[in-house]
mmCIF file of all heavy atoms, coordinates in Angstrom:
data_MODEL
# 
_entry.id   MODEL 
# 
loop_
_atom_site.group_PDB 
_atom_site.id 
_atom_site.type_symbol 
_atom_site.label_atom_id 
_atom_site.label_alt_id 
_atom_site.label_comp_id 
_atom_site.label_asym_id 
_atom_site.label_entity_id 
_atom_site.label_seq_id 
_atom_site.pdbx_PDB_ins_code 
_atom_site.Cartn_x 
_atom_site.Cartn_y 
_atom_site.Cartn_z 
_atom_site.occupancy 
_atom_site.B_iso_or_equiv 
_atom_site.pdbx_formal_charge 
_atom_site.auth_seq_id 
_atom_site.auth_comp_id 
_atom_site.auth_asym_id 
_atom_site.auth_atom_id 
_atom_site.pdbx_PDB_model_num 
ATOM 1   N N   . VAL A 1 1  ? -5.473  -12.715 4.195   1.00 0.00 ? 1  VAL A N   1 
ATOM 2   C CA  . VAL A 1 1  ? -6.782  -13.262 4.541   1.00 0.00 ? 1  VAL A CA  1 
ATOM 3   C C   . VAL A 1 1  ? -7.789  -12.955 3.446   1.00 0.00 ? 1  VAL A C   1 
ATOM 4   O O   . VAL A 1 1  ? -8.603  -13.797 3.066   1.00 0.00 ? 1  VAL A O   1 
ATOM 5   C CB  . VAL A 1 1  ? -7.270  -12.683 5.885   1.00 0.00 ? 1  VAL A CB  1 
ATOM 6   C CG1 . VAL A 1 1  ? -8.703  -13.138 6.186   1.00 0.00 ? 1  VAL A CG1 1 
ATOM 7   C CG2 . VAL A 1 1  ? -6.349  -13.112 7.021   1.00 0.00 ? 1  VAL A CG2 1 
ATOM 8   N N   . LYS A 1 2  ? -7.731  -11.728 2.928   1.00 0.00 ? 2  LYS A N   1 
ATOM 9   C CA  . LYS A 1 2  ? -8.708  -11.293 1.926   1.00 0.00 ? 2  LYS A CA  1 
ATOM 10  C C   . LYS A 1 2  ? -7.963  -10.500 0.855   1.00 0.00 ? 2  LYS A C   1 
ATOM 11  O O   . LYS A 1 2  ? -7.696  -9.309  1.010   1.00 0.00 ? 2  LYS A O   1 
ATOM 12  C CB  . LYS A 1 2  ? -9.795  -10.436 2.574   1.00 0.00 ? 2  LYS A CB  1 
ATOM 13  C CG  . LYS A 1 2  ? -10.995 -10.137 1.694   1.00 0.00 ? 2  LYS A CG  1 
ATOM 14  C CD  . LYS A 1 2  ? -12.076 -9.405  2.495   1.00 0.00 ? 2  LYS A CD  1 
ATOM 15  C CE  . LYS A 1 2  ? -13.376 -9.283  1.710   1.00 0.00 ? 2  LYS A CE  1 
ATOM 16  N NZ  . LYS A 1 2  ? -13.242 -8.470  0.483   1.00 0.00 ? 2  LYS A NZ  1 
ATOM 17  N N   . ALA A 1 3  ? -7.633  -11.165 -0.224  1.00 0.00 ? 3  ALA A N   1 
ATOM 18  C CA  . ALA A 1 3  ? -6.767  -10.568 -1.246  1.00 0.00 ? 3  ALA A CA  1 
ATOM 19  C C   . ALA A 1 3  ? -7.370  -9.337  -1.890  1.00 0.00 ? 3  ALA A C   1 
ATOM 20  O O   . ALA A 1 3  ? -6.641  -8.471  -2.394  1.00 0.00 ? 3  ALA A O   1 
ATOM 21  C CB  . ALA A 1 3  ? -6.446  -11.610 -2.320  1.00 0.00 ? 3  ALA A CB  1 
ATOM 22  N N   . ASP A 1 4  ? -8.687  -9.227  -1.893  1.00 0.00 ? 4  ASP A N   1 
ATOM 23  C CA  . ASP A 1 4  ? -9.341  -8.080  -2.519  1.00 0.00 ? 4  ASP A CA  1 
ATOM 24  C C   . ASP A 1 4  ? -9.803  -7.052  -1.486  1.00 0.00 ? 4  ASP A C   1 
ATOM 25  O O   . ASP A 1 4  ? -10.751 -6.315  -1.715  1.00 0.00 ? 4  ASP A O   1 
ATOM 26  C CB  . ASP A 1 4  ? -10.520 -8.533  -3.379  1.00 0.00 ? 4  ASP A CB  1 
ATOM 27  C CG  . ASP A 1 4  ? -11.605 -9.243  -2.568  1.00 0.00 ? 4  ASP A CG  1 
ATOM 28  O OD1 . ASP A 1 4  ? -11.351 -9.565  -1.387  1.00 0.00 ? 4  ASP A OD1 1 
ATOM 29  O OD2 . ASP A 1 4  ? -12.702 -9.486  -3.124  1.00 0.00 ? 4  ASP A OD2 1 
ATOM 30  N N   . HIS A 1 5  ? -9.118  -6.985  -0.360  1.00 0.00 ? 5  HIS A N   1 
ATOM 31  C CA  . HIS A 1 5  ? -9.448  -5.993  0.665   1.00 0.00 ? 5  HIS A CA  1 
ATOM 32  C C   . HIS A 1 5  ? -8.907  -4.642  0.200   1.00 0.00 ? 5  HIS A C   1 
ATOM 33  O O   . HIS A 1 5  ? -7.735  -4.320  0.367   1.00 0.00 ? 5  HIS A O   1 
ATOM 34  C CB  . HIS A 1 5  ? -8.854  -6.393  2.012   1.00 0.00 ? 5  HIS A CB  1 
ATOM 35  C CG  . HIS A 1 5  ? -9.403  -5.620  3.162   1.00 0.00 ? 5  HIS A CG  1 
ATOM 36  N ND1 . HIS A 1 5  ? -9.066  -4.316  3.420   1.00 0.00 ? 5  HIS A ND1 1 
ATOM 37  C CD2 . HIS A 1 5  ? -10.298 -5.966  4.127   1.00 0.00 ? 5  HIS A CD2 1 
ATOM 38  C CE1 . HIS A 1 5  ? -9.704  -3.889  4.491   1.00 0.00 ? 5  HIS A CE1 1 
ATOM 39  N NE2 . HIS A 1 5  ? -10.457 -4.878  4.935   1.00 0.00 ? 5  HIS A NE2 1 
ATOM 40  N N   . ALA A 1 6  ? -9.768  -3.844  -0.384  1.00 0.00 ? 6  ALA A N   1 
ATOM 41  C CA  . ALA A 1 6  ? -9.337  -2.613  -1.045  1.00 0.00 ? 6  ALA A CA  1 
ATOM 42  C C   . ALA A 1 6  ? -8.637  -1.653  -0.100  1.00 0.00 ? 6  ALA A C   1 
ATOM 43  O O   . ALA A 1 6  ? -7.613  -1.055  -0.446  1.00 0.00 ? 6  ALA A O   1 
ATOM 44  C CB  . ALA A 1 6  ? -10.541 -1.929  -1.694  1.00 0.00 ? 6  ALA A CB  1 
ATOM 45  N N   . ASN A 1 7  ? -9.177  -1.497  1.094   1.00 0.00 ? 7  ASN A N   1 
ATOM 46  C CA  . ASN A 1 7  ? -8.601  -0.512  1.994   1.00 0.00 ? 7  ASN A CA  1 
ATOM 47  C C   . ASN A 1 7  ? -7.238  -0.923  2.520   1.00 0.00 ? 7  ASN A C   1 
ATOM 48  O O   . ASN A 1 7  ? -6.392  -0.081  2.787   1.00 0.00 ? 7  ASN A O   1 
ATOM 49  C CB  . ASN A 1 7  ? -9.571  -0.234  3.136   1.00 0.00 ? 7  ASN A CB  1 
ATOM 50  C CG  . ASN A 1 7  ? -10.801 0.493   2.649   1.00 0.00 ? 7  ASN A CG  1 
ATOM 51  O OD1 . ASN A 1 7  ? -10.706 1.471   1.924   1.00 0.00 ? 7  ASN A OD1 1 
ATOM 52  N ND2 . ASN A 1 7  ? -11.969 0.005   3.012   1.00 0.00 ? 7  ASN A ND2 1 
ATOM 53  N N   . ALA A 1 8  ? -7.010  -2.207  2.678   1.00 0.00 ? 8  ALA A N   1 
ATOM 54  C CA  . ALA A 1 8  ? -5.671  -2.653  3.074   1.00 0.00 ? 8  ALA A CA  1 
ATOM 55  C C   . ALA A 1 8  ? -4.668  -2.343  1.958   1.00 0.00 ? 8  ALA A C   1 
ATOM 56  O O   . ALA A 1 8  ? -3.533  -1.947  2.235   1.00 0.00 ? 8  ALA A O   1 
ATOM 57  C CB  . ALA A 1 8  ? -5.675  -4.137  3.392   1.00 0.00 ? 8  ALA A CB  1 
ATOM 58  N N   . HIS A 1 9  ? -5.092  -2.490  0.714   1.00 0.00 ? 9  HIS A N   1 
ATOM 59  C CA  . HIS A 1 9  ? -4.212  -2.111  -0.403  1.00 0.00 ? 9  HIS A CA  1 
ATOM 60  C C   . HIS A 1 9  ? -3.941  -0.615  -0.393  1.00 0.00 ? 9  HIS A C   1 
ATOM 61  O O   . HIS A 1 9  ? -2.804  -0.175  -0.599  1.00 0.00 ? 9  HIS A O   1 
ATOM 62  C CB  . HIS A 1 9  ? -4.838  -2.532  -1.734  1.00 0.00 ? 9  HIS A CB  1 
ATOM 63  C CG  . HIS A 1 9  ? -4.712  -3.994  -2.028  1.00 0.00 ? 9  HIS A CG  1 
ATOM 64  N ND1 . HIS A 1 9  ? -3.522  -4.591  -2.362  1.00 0.00 ? 9  HIS A ND1 1 
ATOM 65  C CD2 . HIS A 1 9  ? -5.649  -4.986  -2.021  1.00 0.00 ? 9  HIS A CD2 1 
ATOM 66  C CE1 . HIS A 1 9  ? -3.719  -5.893  -2.559  1.00 0.00 ? 9  HIS A CE1 1 
ATOM 67  N NE2 . HIS A 1 9  ? -5.000  -6.153  -2.355  1.00 0.00 ? 9  HIS A NE2 1 
ATOM 68  N N   . LYS A 1 10 ? -4.977  0.171   -0.149  1.00 0.00 ? 10 LYS A N   1 
ATOM 69  C CA  . LYS A 1 10 ? -4.773  1.624   -0.095  1.00 0.00 ? 10 LYS A CA  1 
ATOM 70  C C   . LYS A 1 10 ? -3.844  1.985   1.057   1.00 0.00 ? 10 LYS A C   1 
ATOM 71  O O   . LYS A 1 10 ? -2.939  2.812   0.907   1.00 0.00 ? 10 LYS A O   1 
ATOM 72  C CB  . LYS A 1 10 ? -6.100  2.346   0.060   1.00 0.00 ? 10 LYS A CB  1 
ATOM 73  C CG  . LYS A 1 10 ? -5.954  3.874   0.075   1.00 0.00 ? 10 LYS A CG  1 
ATOM 74  C CD  . LYS A 1 10 ? -7.188  4.577   0.620   1.00 0.00 ? 10 LYS A CD  1 
ATOM 75  C CE  . LYS A 1 10 ? -8.271  4.691   -0.399  1.00 0.00 ? 10 LYS A CE  1 
ATOM 76  N NZ  . LYS A 1 10 ? -9.409  5.532   0.082   1.00 0.00 ? 10 LYS A NZ  1 
ATOM 77  N N   . ASN A 1 11 ? -4.066  1.374   2.206   1.00 0.00 ? 11 ASN A N   1 
ATOM 78  C CA  . ASN A 1 11 ? -3.227  1.676   3.362   1.00 0.00 ? 11 ASN A CA  1 
ATOM 79  C C   . ASN A 1 11 ? -1.772  1.332   3.098   1.00 0.00 ? 11 ASN A C   1 
ATOM 80  O O   . ASN A 1 11 ? -0.857  2.063   3.474   1.00 0.00 ? 11 ASN A O   1 
ATOM 81  C CB  . ASN A 1 11 ? -3.735  0.910   4.580   1.00 0.00 ? 11 ASN A CB  1 
ATOM 82  C CG  . ASN A 1 11 ? -5.085  1.401   5.050   1.00 0.00 ? 11 ASN A CG  1 
ATOM 83  O OD1 . ASN A 1 11 ? -5.535  2.470   4.661   1.00 0.00 ? 11 ASN A OD1 1 
ATOM 84  N ND2 . ASN A 1 11 ? -5.739  0.614   5.880   1.00 0.00 ? 11 ASN A ND2 1 
ATOM 85  N N   . LEU A 1 12 ? -1.550  0.189   2.446   1.00 0.00 ? 12 LEU A N   1 
ATOM 86  C CA  . LEU A 1 12 ? -0.185  -0.188  2.086   1.00 0.00 ? 12 LEU A CA  1 
ATOM 87  C C   . LEU A 1 12 ? 0.420   0.806   1.099   1.00 0.00 ? 12 LEU A C   1 
ATOM 88  O O   . LEU A 1 12 ? 1.596   1.178   1.207   1.00 0.00 ? 12 LEU A O   1 
ATOM 89  C CB  . LEU A 1 12 ? -0.175  -1.589  1.477   1.00 0.00 ? 12 LEU A CB  1 
ATOM 90  C CG  . LEU A 1 12 ? 0.097   -2.743  2.432   1.00 0.00 ? 12 LEU A CG  1 
ATOM 91  C CD1 . LEU A 1 12 ? -0.129  -4.074  1.726   1.00 0.00 ? 12 LEU A CD1 1 
ATOM 92  C CD2 . LEU A 1 12 ? 1.509   -2.677  3.006   1.00 0.00 ? 12 LEU A CD2 1 
ATOM 93  N N   . ALA A 1 13 ? -0.384  1.241   0.151   1.00 0.00 ? 13 ALA A N   1 
ATOM 94  C CA  . ALA A 1 13 ? 0.114   2.205   -0.826  1.00 0.00 ? 13 ALA A CA  1 
ATOM 95  C C   . ALA A 1 13 ? 0.552   3.492   -0.142  1.00 0.00 ? 13 ALA A C   1 
ATOM 96  O O   . ALA A 1 13 ? 1.629   4.032   -0.423  1.00 0.00 ? 13 ALA A O   1 
ATOM 97  C CB  . ALA A 1 13 ? -0.968  2.490   -1.871  1.00 0.00 ? 13 ALA A CB  1 
ATOM 98  N N   . PHE A 1 14 ? -0.268  4.000   0.766   1.00 0.00 ? 14 PHE A N   1 
ATOM 99  C CA  . PHE A 1 14 ? 0.114   5.198   1.511   1.00 0.00 ? 14 PHE A CA  1 
ATOM 100 C C   . PHE A 1 14 ? 1.371   4.941   2.342   1.00 0.00 ? 14 PHE A C   1 
ATOM 101 O O   . PHE A 1 14 ? 2.256   5.794   2.438   1.00 0.00 ? 14 PHE A O   1 
ATOM 102 C CB  . PHE A 1 14 ? -1.018  5.656   2.422   1.00 0.00 ? 14 PHE A CB  1 
ATOM 103 C CG  . PHE A 1 14 ? -2.024  6.543   1.753   1.00 0.00 ? 14 PHE A CG  1 
ATOM 104 C CD1 . PHE A 1 14 ? -3.330  6.130   1.598   1.00 0.00 ? 14 PHE A CD1 1 
ATOM 105 C CD2 . PHE A 1 14 ? -1.670  7.790   1.283   1.00 0.00 ? 14 PHE A CD2 1 
ATOM 106 C CE1 . PHE A 1 14 ? -4.260  6.947   0.982   1.00 0.00 ? 14 PHE A CE1 1 
ATOM 107 C CE2 . PHE A 1 14 ? -2.593  8.622   0.657   1.00 0.00 ? 14 PHE A CE2 1 
ATOM 108 C CZ  . PHE A 1 14 ? -3.895  8.193   0.512   1.00 0.00 ? 14 PHE A CZ  1 
ATOM 109 N N   . LEU A 1 15 ? 1.435   3.773   2.959   1.00 0.00 ? 15 LEU A N   1 
ATOM 110 C CA  . LEU A 1 15 ? 2.588   3.453   3.794   1.00 0.00 ? 15 LEU A CA  1 
ATOM 111 C C   . LEU A 1 15 ? 3.868   3.462   2.971   1.00 0.00 ? 15 LEU A C   1 
ATOM 112 O O   . LEU A 1 15 ? 4.880   4.068   3.358   1.00 0.00 ? 15 LEU A O   1 
ATOM 113 C CB  . LEU A 1 15 ? 2.386   2.085   4.442   1.00 0.00 ? 15 LEU A CB  1 
ATOM 114 C CG  . LEU A 1 15 ? 3.417   1.664   5.487   1.00 0.00 ? 15 LEU A CG  1 
ATOM 115 C CD1 . LEU A 1 15 ? 3.269   2.483   6.761   1.00 0.00 ? 15 LEU A CD1 1 
ATOM 116 C CD2 . LEU A 1 15 ? 3.278   0.172   5.801   1.00 0.00 ? 15 LEU A CD2 1 
ATOM 117 N N   . TYR A 1 16 ? 3.834   2.785   1.823   1.00 0.00 ? 16 TYR A N   1 
ATOM 118 C CA  . TYR A 1 16 ? 5.023   2.740   0.971   1.00 0.00 ? 16 TYR A CA  1 
ATOM 119 C C   . TYR A 1 16 ? 5.334   4.106   0.375   1.00 0.00 ? 16 TYR A C   1 
ATOM 120 O O   . TYR A 1 16 ? 6.505   4.477   0.228   1.00 0.00 ? 16 TYR A O   1 
ATOM 121 C CB  . TYR A 1 16 ? 4.821   1.716   -0.143  1.00 0.00 ? 16 TYR A CB  1 
ATOM 122 C CG  . TYR A 1 16 ? 4.849   0.278   0.316   1.00 0.00 ? 16 TYR A CG  1 
ATOM 123 C CD1 . TYR A 1 16 ? 3.851   -0.619  -0.062  1.00 0.00 ? 16 TYR A CD1 1 
ATOM 124 C CD2 . TYR A 1 16 ? 5.880   -0.202  1.120   1.00 0.00 ? 16 TYR A CD2 1 
ATOM 125 C CE1 . TYR A 1 16 ? 3.874   -1.949  0.359   1.00 0.00 ? 16 TYR A CE1 1 
ATOM 126 C CE2 . TYR A 1 16 ? 5.920   -1.525  1.538   1.00 0.00 ? 16 TYR A CE2 1 
ATOM 127 C CZ  . TYR A 1 16 ? 4.916   -2.385  1.161   1.00 0.00 ? 16 TYR A CZ  1 
ATOM 128 O OH  . TYR A 1 16 ? 4.942   -3.700  1.585   1.00 0.00 ? 16 TYR A OH  1 
ATOM 129 N N   . ASP A 1 17 ? 4.315   4.854   0.029   1.00 0.00 ? 17 ASP A N   1 
ATOM 130 C CA  . ASP A 1 17 ? 4.502   6.156   -0.606  1.00 0.00 ? 17 ASP A CA  1 
ATOM 131 C C   . ASP A 1 17 ? 5.017   7.191   0.384   1.00 0.00 ? 17 ASP A C   1 
ATOM 132 O O   . ASP A 1 17 ? 6.011   7.878   0.129   1.00 0.00 ? 17 ASP A O   1 
ATOM 133 C CB  . ASP A 1 17 ? 3.166   6.600   -1.200  1.00 0.00 ? 17 ASP A CB  1 
ATOM 134 C CG  . ASP A 1 17 ? 3.272   7.847   -2.068  1.00 0.00 ? 17 ASP A CG  1 
ATOM 135 O OD1 . ASP A 1 17 ? 4.374   8.407   -2.206  1.00 0.00 ? 17 ASP A OD1 1 
ATOM 136 O OD2 . ASP A 1 17 ? 2.229   8.274   -2.599  1.00 0.00 ? 17 ASP A OD2 1 
ATOM 137 N N   . LEU A 1 18 ? 4.349   7.301   1.532   1.00 0.00 ? 18 LEU A N   1 
ATOM 138 C CA  . LEU A 1 18 ? 4.615   8.393   2.458   1.00 0.00 ? 18 LEU A CA  1 
ATOM 139 C C   . LEU A 1 18 ? 5.677   8.082   3.514   1.00 0.00 ? 18 LEU A C   1 
ATOM 140 O O   . LEU A 1 18 ? 6.338   8.996   3.999   1.00 0.00 ? 18 LEU A O   1 
ATOM 141 C CB  . LEU A 1 18 ? 3.328   8.787   3.180   1.00 0.00 ? 18 LEU A CB  1 
ATOM 142 C CG  . LEU A 1 18 ? 2.179   9.305   2.306   1.00 0.00 ? 18 LEU A CG  1 
ATOM 143 C CD1 . LEU A 1 18 ? 0.928   9.491   3.137   1.00 0.00 ? 18 LEU A CD1 1 
ATOM 144 C CD2 . LEU A 1 18 ? 2.570   10.601  1.627   1.00 0.00 ? 18 LEU A CD2 1 
ATOM 145 N N   . TYR A 1 19 ? 5.814   6.818   3.875   1.00 0.00 ? 19 TYR A N   1 
ATOM 146 C CA  . TYR A 1 19 ? 6.633   6.499   5.043   1.00 0.00 ? 19 TYR A CA  1 
ATOM 147 C C   . TYR A 1 19 ? 7.823   5.589   4.758   1.00 0.00 ? 19 TYR A C   1 
ATOM 148 O O   . TYR A 1 19 ? 8.844   5.700   5.435   1.00 0.00 ? 19 TYR A O   1 
ATOM 149 C CB  . TYR A 1 19 ? 5.760   5.844   6.125   1.00 0.00 ? 19 TYR A CB  1 
ATOM 150 C CG  . TYR A 1 19 ? 4.615   6.720   6.556   1.00 0.00 ? 19 TYR A CG  1 
ATOM 151 C CD1 . TYR A 1 19 ? 3.325   6.476   6.094   1.00 0.00 ? 19 TYR A CD1 1 
ATOM 152 C CD2 . TYR A 1 19 ? 4.813   7.797   7.418   1.00 0.00 ? 19 TYR A CD2 1 
ATOM 153 C CE1 . TYR A 1 19 ? 2.261   7.288   6.479   1.00 0.00 ? 19 TYR A CE1 1 
ATOM 154 C CE2 . TYR A 1 19 ? 3.761   8.613   7.806   1.00 0.00 ? 19 TYR A CE2 1 
ATOM 155 C CZ  . TYR A 1 19 ? 2.486   8.347   7.341   1.00 0.00 ? 19 TYR A CZ  1 
ATOM 156 O OH  . TYR A 1 19 ? 1.440   9.156   7.717   1.00 0.00 ? 19 TYR A OH  1 
ATOM 157 N N   . LEU A 1 20 ? 7.692   4.683   3.802   1.00 0.00 ? 20 LEU A N   1 
ATOM 158 C CA  . LEU A 1 20 ? 8.762   3.719   3.564   1.00 0.00 ? 20 LEU A CA  1 
ATOM 159 C C   . LEU A 1 20 ? 9.555   3.994   2.290   1.00 0.00 ? 20 LEU A C   1 
ATOM 160 O O   . LEU A 1 20 ? 10.459  3.224   1.948   1.00 0.00 ? 20 LEU A O   1 
ATOM 161 C CB  . LEU A 1 20 ? 8.185   2.295   3.532   1.00 0.00 ? 20 LEU A CB  1 
ATOM 162 C CG  . LEU A 1 20 ? 7.608   1.813   4.864   1.00 0.00 ? 20 LEU A CG  1 
ATOM 163 C CD1 . LEU A 1 20 ? 7.030   0.402   4.721   1.00 0.00 ? 20 LEU A CD1 1 
ATOM 164 C CD2 . LEU A 1 20 ? 8.663   1.833   5.967   1.00 0.00 ? 20 LEU A CD2 1 
ATOM 165 N N   . ASP A 1 21 ? 9.209   5.048   1.581   1.00 0.00 ? 21 ASP A N   1 
ATOM 166 C CA  . ASP A 1 21 ? 9.968   5.481   0.402   1.00 0.00 ? 21 ASP A CA  1 
ATOM 167 C C   . ASP A 1 21 ? 10.179  4.342   -0.581  1.00 0.00 ? 21 ASP A C   1 
ATOM 168 O O   . ASP A 1 21 ? 11.293  4.051   -1.012  1.00 0.00 ? 21 ASP A O   1 
ATOM 169 C CB  . ASP A 1 21 ? 11.323  6.069   0.846   1.00 0.00 ? 21 ASP A CB  1 
ATOM 170 C CG  . ASP A 1 21 ? 12.016  6.816   -0.284  1.00 0.00 ? 21 ASP A CG  1 
ATOM 171 O OD1 . ASP A 1 21 ? 11.307  7.297   -1.196  1.00 0.00 ? 21 ASP A OD1 1 
ATOM 172 O OD2 . ASP A 1 21 ? 13.262  6.925   -0.272  1.00 0.00 ? 21 ASP A OD2 1 
ATOM 173 N N   . ASN A 1 22 ? 9.072   3.700   -0.931  1.00 0.00 ? 22 ASN A N   1 
ATOM 174 C CA  . ASN A 1 22 ? 9.130   2.592   -1.881  1.00 0.00 ? 22 ASN A CA  1 
ATOM 175 C C   . ASN A 1 22 ? 8.046   2.815   -2.939  1.00 0.00 ? 22 ASN A C   1 
ATOM 176 O O   . ASN A 1 22 ? 6.975   2.204   -2.890  1.00 0.00 ? 22 ASN A O   1 
ATOM 177 C CB  . ASN A 1 22 ? 8.916   1.259   -1.156  1.00 0.00 ? 22 ASN A CB  1 
ATOM 178 C CG  . ASN A 1 22 ? 9.257   0.070   -2.033  1.00 0.00 ? 22 ASN A CG  1 
ATOM 179 O OD1 . ASN A 1 22 ? 9.084   0.113   -3.249  1.00 0.00 ? 22 ASN A OD1 1 
ATOM 180 N ND2 . ASN A 1 22 ? 9.716   -1.007  -1.418  1.00 0.00 ? 22 ASN A ND2 1 
ATOM 181 N N   . PRO A 1 23 ? 8.327   3.703   -3.901  1.00 0.00 ? 23 PRO A N   1 
ATOM 182 C CA  . PRO A 1 23 ? 7.298   4.037   -4.890  1.00 0.00 ? 23 PRO A CA  1 
ATOM 183 C C   . PRO A 1 23 ? 6.865   2.857   -5.754  1.00 0.00 ? 23 PRO A C   1 
ATOM 184 O O   . PRO A 1 23 ? 5.719   2.815   -6.202  1.00 0.00 ? 23 PRO A O   1 
ATOM 185 C CB  . PRO A 1 23 ? 7.944   5.134   -5.729  1.00 0.00 ? 23 PRO A CB  1 
ATOM 186 C CG  . PRO A 1 23 ? 9.409   5.021   -5.477  1.00 0.00 ? 23 PRO A CG  1 
ATOM 187 C CD  . PRO A 1 23 ? 9.552   4.495   -4.089  1.00 0.00 ? 23 PRO A CD  1 
ATOM 188 N N   . ALA A 1 24 ? 7.748   1.891   -5.978  1.00 0.00 ? 24 ALA A N   1 
ATOM 189 C CA  . ALA A 1 24 ? 7.372   0.731   -6.796  1.00 0.00 ? 24 ALA A CA  1 
ATOM 190 C C   . ALA A 1 24 ? 6.269   -0.068  -6.109  1.00 0.00 ? 24 ALA A C   1 
ATOM 191 O O   . ALA A 1 24 ? 5.275   -0.448  -6.738  1.00 0.00 ? 24 ALA A O   1 
ATOM 192 C CB  . ALA A 1 24 ? 8.590   -0.142  -7.061  1.00 0.00 ? 24 ALA A CB  1 
ATOM 193 N N   . LYS A 1 25 ? 6.433   -0.317  -4.822  1.00 0.00 ? 25 LYS A N   1 
ATOM 194 C CA  . LYS A 1 25 ? 5.393   -1.038  -4.102  1.00 0.00 ? 25 LYS A CA  1 
ATOM 195 C C   . LYS A 1 25 ? 4.150   -0.176  -3.911  1.00 0.00 ? 25 LYS A C   1 
ATOM 196 O O   . LYS A 1 25 ? 3.023   -0.687  -3.906  1.00 0.00 ? 25 LYS A O   1 
ATOM 197 C CB  . LYS A 1 25 ? 5.932   -1.532  -2.757  1.00 0.00 ? 25 LYS A CB  1 
ATOM 198 C CG  . LYS A 1 25 ? 6.867   -2.727  -2.875  1.00 0.00 ? 25 LYS A CG  1 
ATOM 199 C CD  . LYS A 1 25 ? 7.150   -3.363  -1.524  1.00 0.00 ? 25 LYS A CD  1 
ATOM 200 C CE  . LYS A 1 25 ? 7.949   -4.639  -1.677  1.00 0.00 ? 25 LYS A CE  1 
ATOM 201 N NZ  . LYS A 1 25 ? 8.216   -5.295  -0.366  1.00 0.00 ? 25 LYS A NZ  1 
ATOM 202 N N   . ALA A 1 26 ? 4.371   1.118   -3.747  1.00 0.00 ? 26 ALA A N   1 
ATOM 203 C CA  . ALA A 1 26 ? 3.217   2.012   -3.648  1.00 0.00 ? 26 ALA A CA  1 
ATOM 204 C C   . ALA A 1 26 ? 2.385   1.911   -4.920  1.00 0.00 ? 26 ALA A C   1 
ATOM 205 O O   . ALA A 1 26 ? 1.144   1.821   -4.866  1.00 0.00 ? 26 ALA A O   1 
ATOM 206 C CB  . ALA A 1 26 ? 3.679   3.448   -3.414  1.00 0.00 ? 26 ALA A CB  1 
ATOM 207 N N   . ARG A 1 27 ? 3.035   1.903   -6.063  1.00 0.00 ? 27 ARG A N   1 
ATOM 208 C CA  . ARG A 1 27 ? 2.323   1.794   -7.336  1.00 0.00 ? 27 ARG A CA  1 
ATOM 209 C C   . ARG A 1 27 ? 1.516   0.490   -7.394  1.00 0.00 ? 27 ARG A C   1 
ATOM 210 O O   . ARG A 1 27 ? 0.356   0.484   -7.808  1.00 0.00 ? 27 ARG A O   1 
ATOM 211 C CB  . ARG A 1 27 ? 3.316   1.843   -8.504  1.00 0.00 ? 27 ARG A CB  1 
ATOM 212 C CG  . ARG A 1 27 ? 2.676   1.611   -9.877  1.00 0.00 ? 27 ARG A CG  1 
ATOM 213 C CD  . ARG A 1 27 ? 3.686   1.743   -11.001 1.00 0.00 ? 27 ARG A CD  1 
ATOM 214 N NE  . ARG A 1 27 ? 4.174   3.106   -11.104 1.00 0.00 ? 27 ARG A NE  1 
ATOM 215 C CZ  . ARG A 1 27 ? 3.504   4.091   -11.695 1.00 0.00 ? 27 ARG A CZ  1 
ATOM 216 N NH1 . ARG A 1 27 ? 2.296   3.851   -12.228 1.00 0.00 ? 27 ARG A NH1 1 
ATOM 217 N NH2 . ARG A 1 27 ? 4.025   5.296   -11.757 1.00 0.00 ? 27 ARG A NH2 1 
# 
């Protein structure tokens, strides 16, 4: 909906980093 939604990007980064073990997507 909003490609520049900063907090959704941060939330995804935390999700991939901490919970889904996907450092490439976290980056």
